[in-house]
Protein backbone atom coordinates (compact mmCIF):
# COMPACT_ATOMS: atom_id res chain seq x y z
CA MET A 1 -0.70 -8.92 6.89
CA GLY A 2 0.45 -12.14 5.01
CA ASP A 3 2.58 -10.73 2.46
CA PHE A 4 4.27 -7.91 4.28
CA SER A 5 8.11 -8.00 5.34
CA VAL A 6 9.19 -7.26 8.91
CA LYS A 7 10.47 -3.96 7.76
CA GLU A 8 6.78 -3.10 6.31
CA LYS A 9 5.24 -4.07 9.51
CA THR A 10 7.57 -2.35 11.64
CA GLN A 11 6.70 0.92 9.61
CA TYR A 12 3.14 0.58 9.56
CA GLY A 13 3.08 -0.05 13.23
CA THR A 14 5.17 2.89 14.52
CA ALA A 15 3.28 5.13 12.07
CA ILE A 16 -0.10 3.66 13.49
CA PHE A 17 1.19 4.06 16.96
CA THR A 18 2.40 7.57 16.51
CA LEU A 19 -0.85 8.48 14.96
CA PHE A 20 -2.84 7.06 17.89
CA SER A 21 -0.49 8.65 20.26
CA GLY A 22 -0.97 12.05 18.75
CA ILE A 23 -4.82 11.57 18.81
CA VAL A 24 -4.83 10.55 22.43
CA LEU A 25 -2.68 13.49 23.47
CA CYS A 26 -4.82 15.88 21.82
CA PHE A 27 -7.87 14.39 23.67
CA LEU A 28 -5.98 14.57 27.15
CA SER A 29 -4.77 17.95 26.57
CA PHE A 30 -8.44 19.07 25.32
CA PHE A 31 -10.37 17.90 28.41
CA LEU A 32 -7.84 18.21 30.94
CA ASN A 33 -6.71 21.73 30.33
CA GLU A 34 -9.99 23.61 30.27
CA TYR A 35 -10.87 22.68 26.63
CA GLN A 36 -7.70 24.28 25.23
CA ILE A 37 -5.02 22.43 23.34
CA HIS A 38 -1.40 23.71 23.67
CA GLU A 39 0.48 24.68 20.75
CA SER A 40 3.10 22.11 21.21
CA VAL A 41 0.43 19.35 21.33
CA LEU A 42 -0.79 20.50 18.20
CA PHE A 43 2.77 20.57 16.83
CA TYR A 44 3.38 17.19 17.85
CA PHE A 45 -0.01 15.93 16.39
CA GLY A 46 1.07 17.64 12.95
CA GLN A 47 4.33 15.94 13.12
CA SER A 48 2.79 12.52 13.73
CA LEU A 49 0.51 13.21 10.64
CA ILE A 50 3.21 13.86 8.49
CA PHE A 51 5.24 10.96 9.76
CA ALA A 52 2.26 8.56 9.04
CA GLY A 53 1.43 10.12 5.75
CA ALA A 54 5.12 9.72 4.67
CA ILE A 55 5.07 5.98 5.64
CA PHE A 56 1.92 5.08 4.08
CA GLY A 57 2.48 7.53 0.89
CA VAL A 58 6.05 6.13 -0.01
CA ASN A 59 5.19 2.56 0.41
CA ILE A 60 2.19 2.83 -1.96
CA PHE A 61 4.06 5.25 -4.38
CA ILE A 62 6.86 2.47 -4.67
CA LYS A 63 4.58 -0.33 -5.18
CA SER A 64 2.61 1.24 -7.86
CA LYS A 65 5.67 2.18 -9.65
CA ILE A 66 6.99 -1.11 -9.22
CA TYR A 67 3.74 -2.53 -10.59
CA GLU A 68 3.72 -0.21 -13.48
CA ALA A 69 7.44 -1.15 -14.56
CA GLU A 70 6.69 -4.75 -14.37
CA SER A 71 3.35 -4.25 -16.52
CA ARG A 72 5.59 -2.70 -19.16
CA LEU A 73 8.26 -5.17 -19.17
CA ASN A 74 5.66 -7.85 -19.50
CA GLU A 75 3.80 -5.90 -22.41
CA LYS A 76 7.33 -5.52 -24.26
CA ILE A 77 8.22 -9.33 -23.63
CA ASP A 78 4.88 -10.37 -24.96
CA ARG A 79 5.42 -8.23 -28.20
CA LYS A 80 8.78 -9.66 -28.96
CA ILE A 81 7.20 -13.01 -28.62
CA LYS A 82 4.65 -12.59 -30.85
CA GLU A 83 7.22 -10.68 -33.39
CA GLU A 84 9.31 -13.96 -33.25
CA GLN A 85 6.51 -16.24 -33.98
């Protein structure tokens, strides 16, 4: 985690914590309620999956788009430099 900012560390930390809490809640509900999971527990787990997916997906998407834009700009700059020589 060397090149992550505080914002990214916080986002990833909350996503992992929320996902972990949903998994623990499902297991506890299953084993403590006669092998049944209440619909509210499933709803919370679904919401935690959506939240974690949004955090990880949005960051990866944005980083990939920035990388694509940088590579296109570098290619254009290289072409211009070669044309001027």
